[in-house]
């Protein structure tokens, strides 16, 4: 699933738009990467059967941490803020998948729900 996330200005609430969705058949490799930033986008997959909810996180597309090289050779982290960003998520599909909740996680505001996608089998 491909998404666009945007906000109208600094400090405003994010809006999420589904831009593309493809269902495939096959096995998936676990290719998740570690997140070192406190600014994250969390998504929780909810199921209709007894399967427990599954949560995953990615680096927030609007609030990214970049490394900047100094003249002395050291690296420092700097937070960049954007108004529009894109991201993709992959997960195994089952007919029991009911919905996906998206949350914005920041140190100053905590965890805020920004969108829910209802899945129809």
N, C-alpha and C. Protein backbone atom coordinates (compact mmCIF):
# COMPACT_ATOMS: atom_id res chain seq x y z
N UNK A 1 0.84 -1.16 0.00
CA UNK A 1 0.00 0.00 0.00
C UNK A 1 0.89 1.24 0.00
N UNK A 2 0.56 2.18 -0.85
CA UNK A 2 1.30 3.44 -0.94
C UNK A 2 0.42 4.57 -0.43
N UNK A 3 1.01 5.47 0.35
CA UNK A 3 0.27 6.56 0.96
C UNK A 3 0.98 7.88 0.74
N UNK A 4 0.20 8.96 0.77
CA UNK A 4 0.71 10.31 0.84
C UNK A 4 0.22 10.90 2.15
N UNK A 5 1.12 11.48 2.89
CA UNK A 5 0.75 12.13 4.15
C UNK A 5 1.13 13.61 4.02
N UNK A 6 0.21 14.48 4.45
CA UNK A 6 0.50 15.91 4.36
C UNK A 6 -0.15 16.64 5.52
N UNK A 7 0.26 17.88 5.69
CA UNK A 7 -0.35 18.77 6.68
C UNK A 7 -0.28 20.17 6.13
N UNK A 8 -1.18 21.03 6.60
CA UNK A 8 -1.28 22.37 6.03
C UNK A 8 -0.25 23.33 6.60
N UNK A 9 0.41 22.99 7.68
CA UNK A 9 1.43 23.87 8.25
C UNK A 9 2.09 23.22 9.45
N UNK A 10 3.17 23.83 9.96
CA UNK A 10 3.85 23.27 11.14
C UNK A 10 2.89 23.22 12.33
N UNK A 11 2.90 22.10 13.04
CA UNK A 11 2.03 21.94 14.20
C UNK A 11 0.61 21.52 13.87
N UNK A 12 0.26 21.47 12.60
CA UNK A 12 -1.09 21.06 12.20
C UNK A 12 -1.18 19.54 12.15
N UNK A 13 -2.40 19.02 12.14
CA UNK A 13 -2.64 17.58 12.12
C UNK A 13 -2.37 17.00 10.73
N UNK A 14 -1.82 15.78 10.71
CA UNK A 14 -1.52 15.11 9.44
C UNK A 14 -2.80 14.53 8.82
N UNK A 15 -2.79 14.48 7.48
CA UNK A 15 -3.87 13.85 6.72
C UNK A 15 -3.24 12.77 5.86
N UNK A 16 -3.89 11.62 5.81
CA UNK A 16 -3.36 10.46 5.11
C UNK A 16 -4.25 10.14 3.92
N UNK A 17 -3.63 9.85 2.76
CA UNK A 17 -4.36 9.50 1.54
C UNK A 17 -3.76 8.23 0.96
N UNK A 18 -4.61 7.24 0.70
CA UNK A 18 -4.17 6.01 0.04
C UNK A 18 -4.02 6.31 -1.44
N UNK A 19 -2.81 6.12 -2.00
CA UNK A 19 -2.57 6.43 -3.40
C UNK A 19 -2.51 5.20 -4.29
N UNK A 20 -2.16 4.03 -3.71
CA UNK A 20 -2.05 2.81 -4.51
C UNK A 20 -2.15 1.60 -3.58
N UNK A 21 -2.80 0.56 -4.07
CA UNK A 21 -2.94 -0.66 -3.29
C UNK A 21 -2.85 -1.86 -4.23
N UNK A 22 -1.94 -2.78 -3.94
CA UNK A 22 -1.75 -3.97 -4.77
C UNK A 22 -1.73 -5.19 -3.86
N UNK A 23 -2.48 -6.21 -4.24
CA UNK A 23 -2.48 -7.47 -3.50
C UNK A 23 -1.71 -8.49 -4.33
N UNK A 24 -0.75 -9.14 -3.70
CA UNK A 24 0.05 -10.15 -4.38
C UNK A 24 -0.07 -11.49 -3.70
N UNK A 25 0.41 -12.51 -4.35
CA UNK A 25 0.38 -13.85 -3.80
C UNK A 25 1.81 -14.34 -3.69
N UNK A 26 2.19 -14.79 -2.50
CA UNK A 26 3.54 -15.29 -2.31
C UNK A 26 4.02 -15.07 -0.89
N UNK A 27 5.29 -15.34 -0.66
CA UNK A 27 5.86 -15.19 0.66
C UNK A 27 6.58 -13.85 0.77
N UNK A 28 6.68 -13.35 2.00
CA UNK A 28 7.35 -12.08 2.25
C UNK A 28 8.57 -12.30 3.13
N UNK A 29 9.62 -11.58 2.83
CA UNK A 29 10.79 -11.56 3.70
C UNK A 29 10.60 -10.44 4.72
N UNK A 30 11.15 -10.64 5.89
CA UNK A 30 11.10 -9.60 6.91
C UNK A 30 12.19 -8.58 6.61
N UNK A 31 11.82 -7.46 5.98
CA UNK A 31 12.82 -6.47 5.56
C UNK A 31 12.65 -5.16 6.33
N UNK A 32 12.09 -5.23 7.52
CA UNK A 32 11.94 -4.03 8.34
C UNK A 32 13.28 -3.47 8.75
N UNK A 33 13.33 -2.17 8.94
CA UNK A 33 14.59 -1.57 9.37
C UNK A 33 14.38 -0.90 10.73
N UNK A 34 15.46 -0.76 11.46
CA UNK A 34 15.38 -0.16 12.79
C UNK A 34 15.05 1.33 12.68
N UNK A 35 14.28 1.80 13.64
CA UNK A 35 13.89 3.21 13.67
C UNK A 35 14.61 3.87 14.84
N UNK A 36 15.41 4.89 14.57
CA UNK A 36 16.17 5.56 15.60
C UNK A 36 15.57 6.91 15.98
N UNK A 37 14.56 7.33 15.27
CA UNK A 37 13.95 8.63 15.51
C UNK A 37 12.77 8.50 16.46
N UNK A 38 12.57 9.46 17.36
CA UNK A 38 11.38 9.43 18.22
C UNK A 38 10.10 9.84 17.47
N UNK A 39 10.25 10.33 16.24
CA UNK A 39 9.11 10.72 15.41
C UNK A 39 8.77 9.55 14.49
N UNK A 40 7.62 8.92 14.75
CA UNK A 40 7.26 7.71 14.03
C UNK A 40 5.83 7.76 13.53
N UNK A 41 5.57 6.94 12.54
CA UNK A 41 4.22 6.69 12.06
C UNK A 41 3.96 5.21 12.38
N UNK A 42 2.99 4.96 13.23
CA UNK A 42 2.68 3.60 13.67
C UNK A 42 1.39 3.15 13.01
N UNK A 43 1.36 1.91 12.55
CA UNK A 43 0.12 1.35 12.02
C UNK A 43 -0.16 0.02 12.70
N UNK A 44 -1.45 -0.16 13.06
CA UNK A 44 -1.88 -1.34 13.79
C UNK A 44 -2.92 -2.06 12.96
N UNK A 45 -2.63 -3.32 12.63
CA UNK A 45 -3.57 -4.14 11.87
C UNK A 45 -4.49 -4.86 12.84
N UNK A 46 -5.80 -4.68 12.69
CA UNK A 46 -6.81 -5.31 13.54
C UNK A 46 -7.46 -6.45 12.76
N UNK A 47 -7.72 -7.56 13.43
CA UNK A 47 -8.28 -8.74 12.78
C UNK A 47 -9.65 -9.09 13.38
N UNK A 48 -10.50 -9.71 12.57
CA UNK A 48 -11.84 -10.09 13.01
C UNK A 48 -11.85 -11.40 13.79
N UNK A 49 -10.84 -12.23 13.62
CA UNK A 49 -10.79 -13.50 14.35
C UNK A 49 -10.03 -13.30 15.66
N UNK A 50 -9.53 -14.35 16.23
CA UNK A 50 -8.84 -14.29 17.52
C UNK A 50 -7.38 -13.84 17.42
N UNK A 51 -6.95 -13.51 16.22
CA UNK A 51 -5.57 -13.05 16.00
C UNK A 51 -5.36 -11.72 16.73
N UNK A 52 -4.30 -11.57 17.52
CA UNK A 52 -4.08 -10.29 18.22
C UNK A 52 -3.68 -9.19 17.24
N UNK A 53 -3.92 -7.93 17.59
CA UNK A 53 -3.50 -6.82 16.72
C UNK A 53 -1.98 -6.83 16.52
N UNK A 54 -1.55 -6.43 15.34
CA UNK A 54 -0.12 -6.40 15.01
C UNK A 54 0.27 -4.95 14.73
N UNK A 55 1.25 -4.45 15.46
CA UNK A 55 1.69 -3.07 15.30
C UNK A 55 3.08 -3.03 14.66
N UNK A 56 3.26 -2.08 13.74
CA UNK A 56 4.55 -1.82 13.11
C UNK A 56 4.76 -0.31 13.09
N UNK A 57 6.01 0.11 12.99
CA UNK A 57 6.32 1.54 12.94
C UNK A 57 7.32 1.81 11.83
N UNK A 58 7.23 3.01 11.28
CA UNK A 58 8.20 3.50 10.31
C UNK A 58 8.61 4.90 10.73
N UNK A 59 9.71 5.39 10.18
CA UNK A 59 10.11 6.76 10.45
C UNK A 59 9.06 7.70 9.87
N UNK A 60 8.70 8.73 10.61
CA UNK A 60 7.65 9.65 10.17
C UNK A 60 8.07 10.35 8.88
N UNK A 61 7.25 10.26 7.81
CA UNK A 61 7.64 10.86 6.53
C UNK A 61 7.73 12.39 6.56
N UNK A 62 7.06 13.04 7.50
CA UNK A 62 7.11 14.50 7.56
C UNK A 62 8.16 15.01 8.53
N UNK A 63 8.58 14.19 9.46
CA UNK A 63 9.55 14.60 10.48
C UNK A 63 10.72 13.62 10.46
N UNK A 64 11.67 13.88 9.60
CA UNK A 64 12.80 12.97 9.43
C UNK A 64 14.04 13.52 10.12
N UNK A 65 14.83 12.60 10.61
CA UNK A 65 16.09 12.93 11.23
C UNK A 65 17.20 12.67 10.21
N UNK A 66 18.00 13.69 9.92
CA UNK A 66 19.10 13.52 8.96
C UNK A 66 20.43 13.74 9.67
N UNK A 67 21.48 13.14 9.12
CA UNK A 67 22.81 13.31 9.68
C UNK A 67 23.58 14.31 8.82
N UNK A 68 24.19 15.28 9.48
CA UNK A 68 24.94 16.33 8.79
C UNK A 68 26.41 16.23 9.21
N UNK A 69 27.31 16.20 8.22
CA UNK A 69 28.74 16.11 8.51
C UNK A 69 29.29 17.50 8.83
N UNK A 70 30.02 17.58 9.95
CA UNK A 70 30.69 18.82 10.32
C UNK A 70 32.08 18.88 9.68
N UNK A 71 32.69 20.03 9.72
CA UNK A 71 34.02 20.20 9.14
C UNK A 71 35.05 19.33 9.85
N UNK A 72 34.87 19.13 11.16
CA UNK A 72 35.83 18.32 11.92
C UNK A 72 35.65 16.81 11.71
N UNK A 73 34.68 16.41 10.89
CA UNK A 73 34.48 15.00 10.58
C UNK A 73 33.41 14.32 11.42
N UNK A 74 32.86 15.01 12.39
CA UNK A 74 31.81 14.38 13.21
C UNK A 74 30.44 14.54 12.55
N UNK A 75 29.50 13.69 12.95
CA UNK A 75 28.14 13.73 12.43
C UNK A 75 27.19 14.22 13.51
N UNK A 76 26.27 15.07 13.13
CA UNK A 76 25.23 15.52 14.06
C UNK A 76 23.88 15.25 13.42
N UNK A 77 22.88 14.97 14.24
CA UNK A 77 21.51 14.73 13.75
C UNK A 77 20.73 16.03 13.79
N UNK A 78 19.92 16.23 12.75
CA UNK A 78 19.06 17.40 12.67
C UNK A 78 17.68 16.95 12.22
N UNK A 79 16.64 17.49 12.84
CA UNK A 79 15.27 17.16 12.48
C UNK A 79 14.82 18.07 11.34
N UNK A 80 14.28 17.46 10.29
CA UNK A 80 13.73 18.23 9.18
C UNK A 80 12.22 18.08 9.19
N UNK A 81 11.52 19.12 8.83
CA UNK A 81 10.06 19.11 8.84
C UNK A 81 9.56 19.41 7.43
N UNK A 82 8.71 18.55 6.90
CA UNK A 82 8.15 18.69 5.56
C UNK A 82 6.64 18.85 5.66
N UNK A 83 6.02 19.34 4.59
CA UNK A 83 4.56 19.45 4.54
C UNK A 83 3.91 18.28 3.81
N UNK A 84 4.68 17.58 2.95
CA UNK A 84 4.16 16.43 2.21
C UNK A 84 5.22 15.33 2.18
N UNK A 85 4.77 14.08 2.33
CA UNK A 85 5.68 12.95 2.27
C UNK A 85 4.96 11.72 1.76
N UNK A 86 5.72 10.74 1.33
CA UNK A 86 5.17 9.48 0.82
C UNK A 86 5.81 8.32 1.57
N UNK A 87 5.04 7.24 1.70
CA UNK A 87 5.60 6.03 2.28
C UNK A 87 4.81 4.82 1.77
N UNK A 88 5.43 3.66 1.88
CA UNK A 88 4.82 2.39 1.47
C UNK A 88 4.92 1.41 2.62
N UNK A 89 3.89 0.57 2.75
CA UNK A 89 3.93 -0.50 3.73
C UNK A 89 3.57 -1.81 3.04
N UNK A 90 4.14 -2.89 3.53
CA UNK A 90 3.85 -4.23 3.02
C UNK A 90 3.54 -5.12 4.21
N UNK A 91 2.55 -5.98 4.03
CA UNK A 91 2.20 -6.92 5.09
C UNK A 91 1.42 -8.07 4.46
N UNK A 92 1.41 -9.22 5.13
CA UNK A 92 0.66 -10.36 4.60
C UNK A 92 -0.84 -10.12 4.76
N UNK A 93 -1.58 -10.36 3.70
CA UNK A 93 -3.03 -10.17 3.72
C UNK A 93 -3.72 -11.48 4.10
N UNK A 94 -4.72 -11.36 4.97
CA UNK A 94 -5.59 -12.49 5.28
C UNK A 94 -7.03 -11.99 5.21
N UNK A 95 -7.96 -12.88 4.99
CA UNK A 95 -9.37 -12.47 4.90
C UNK A 95 -9.90 -12.00 6.25
N UNK A 96 -9.21 -12.31 7.35
CA UNK A 96 -9.63 -11.87 8.67
C UNK A 96 -9.22 -10.43 8.97
N UNK A 97 -8.40 -9.82 8.11
CA UNK A 97 -7.98 -8.43 8.33
C UNK A 97 -9.20 -7.52 8.25
N UNK A 98 -9.43 -6.76 9.32
CA UNK A 98 -10.63 -5.94 9.43
C UNK A 98 -10.34 -4.46 9.17
N UNK A 99 -9.28 -3.93 9.78
CA UNK A 99 -8.96 -2.52 9.60
C UNK A 99 -7.50 -2.26 9.95
N UNK A 100 -7.02 -1.11 9.49
CA UNK A 100 -5.67 -0.66 9.81
C UNK A 100 -5.79 0.75 10.39
N UNK A 101 -5.29 0.92 11.61
CA UNK A 101 -5.29 2.22 12.27
C UNK A 101 -3.90 2.84 12.14
N UNK A 102 -3.85 4.13 11.83
CA UNK A 102 -2.58 4.85 11.69
C UNK A 102 -2.46 5.89 12.80
N UNK A 103 -1.27 5.95 13.41
CA UNK A 103 -1.01 6.87 14.51
C UNK A 103 0.26 7.66 14.22
N UNK A 104 0.24 8.93 14.59
CA UNK A 104 1.44 9.76 14.56
C UNK A 104 2.01 9.78 15.97
N UNK A 105 3.30 9.43 16.10
CA UNK A 105 3.95 9.36 17.41
C UNK A 105 5.07 10.40 17.45
N UNK A 106 4.94 11.38 18.35
CA UNK A 106 5.96 12.41 18.53
C UNK A 106 6.21 12.60 20.02
N UNK A 107 7.41 13.03 20.40
CA UNK A 107 7.70 13.22 21.83
C UNK A 107 6.85 14.33 22.47
N UNK A 108 6.53 15.37 21.70
CA UNK A 108 5.80 16.50 22.29
C UNK A 108 4.29 16.26 22.38
N UNK A 109 3.70 15.55 21.41
CA UNK A 109 2.24 15.33 21.39
C UNK A 109 1.84 13.92 21.78
N UNK A 110 2.77 12.99 21.86
CA UNK A 110 2.45 11.61 22.18
C UNK A 110 1.90 10.87 20.96
N UNK A 111 1.00 9.93 21.20
CA UNK A 111 0.41 9.11 20.14
C UNK A 111 -0.97 9.65 19.77
N UNK A 112 -1.14 10.04 18.51
CA UNK A 112 -2.40 10.60 18.03
C UNK A 112 -2.87 9.79 16.83
N UNK A 113 -4.12 9.32 16.88
CA UNK A 113 -4.69 8.57 15.76
C UNK A 113 -5.01 9.54 14.63
N UNK A 114 -4.51 9.22 13.41
CA UNK A 114 -4.72 10.13 12.29
C UNK A 114 -5.61 9.56 11.20
N UNK A 115 -5.75 8.22 11.14
CA UNK A 115 -6.56 7.65 10.05
C UNK A 115 -6.89 6.18 10.34
N UNK A 116 -8.01 5.71 9.80
CA UNK A 116 -8.38 4.30 9.85
C UNK A 116 -8.83 3.86 8.47
N UNK A 117 -8.33 2.72 8.03
CA UNK A 117 -8.76 2.14 6.76
C UNK A 117 -9.54 0.87 7.08
N UNK A 118 -10.78 0.80 6.63
CA UNK A 118 -11.60 -0.39 6.79
C UNK A 118 -11.31 -1.33 5.61
N UNK A 119 -11.07 -2.59 5.88
CA UNK A 119 -10.76 -3.58 4.85
C UNK A 119 -11.98 -4.46 4.63
N UNK A 120 -12.41 -4.57 3.39
CA UNK A 120 -13.52 -5.46 3.05
C UNK A 120 -12.95 -6.71 2.38
N UNK A 121 -13.38 -7.90 2.83
CA UNK A 121 -12.83 -9.13 2.23
C UNK A 121 -13.26 -9.32 0.80
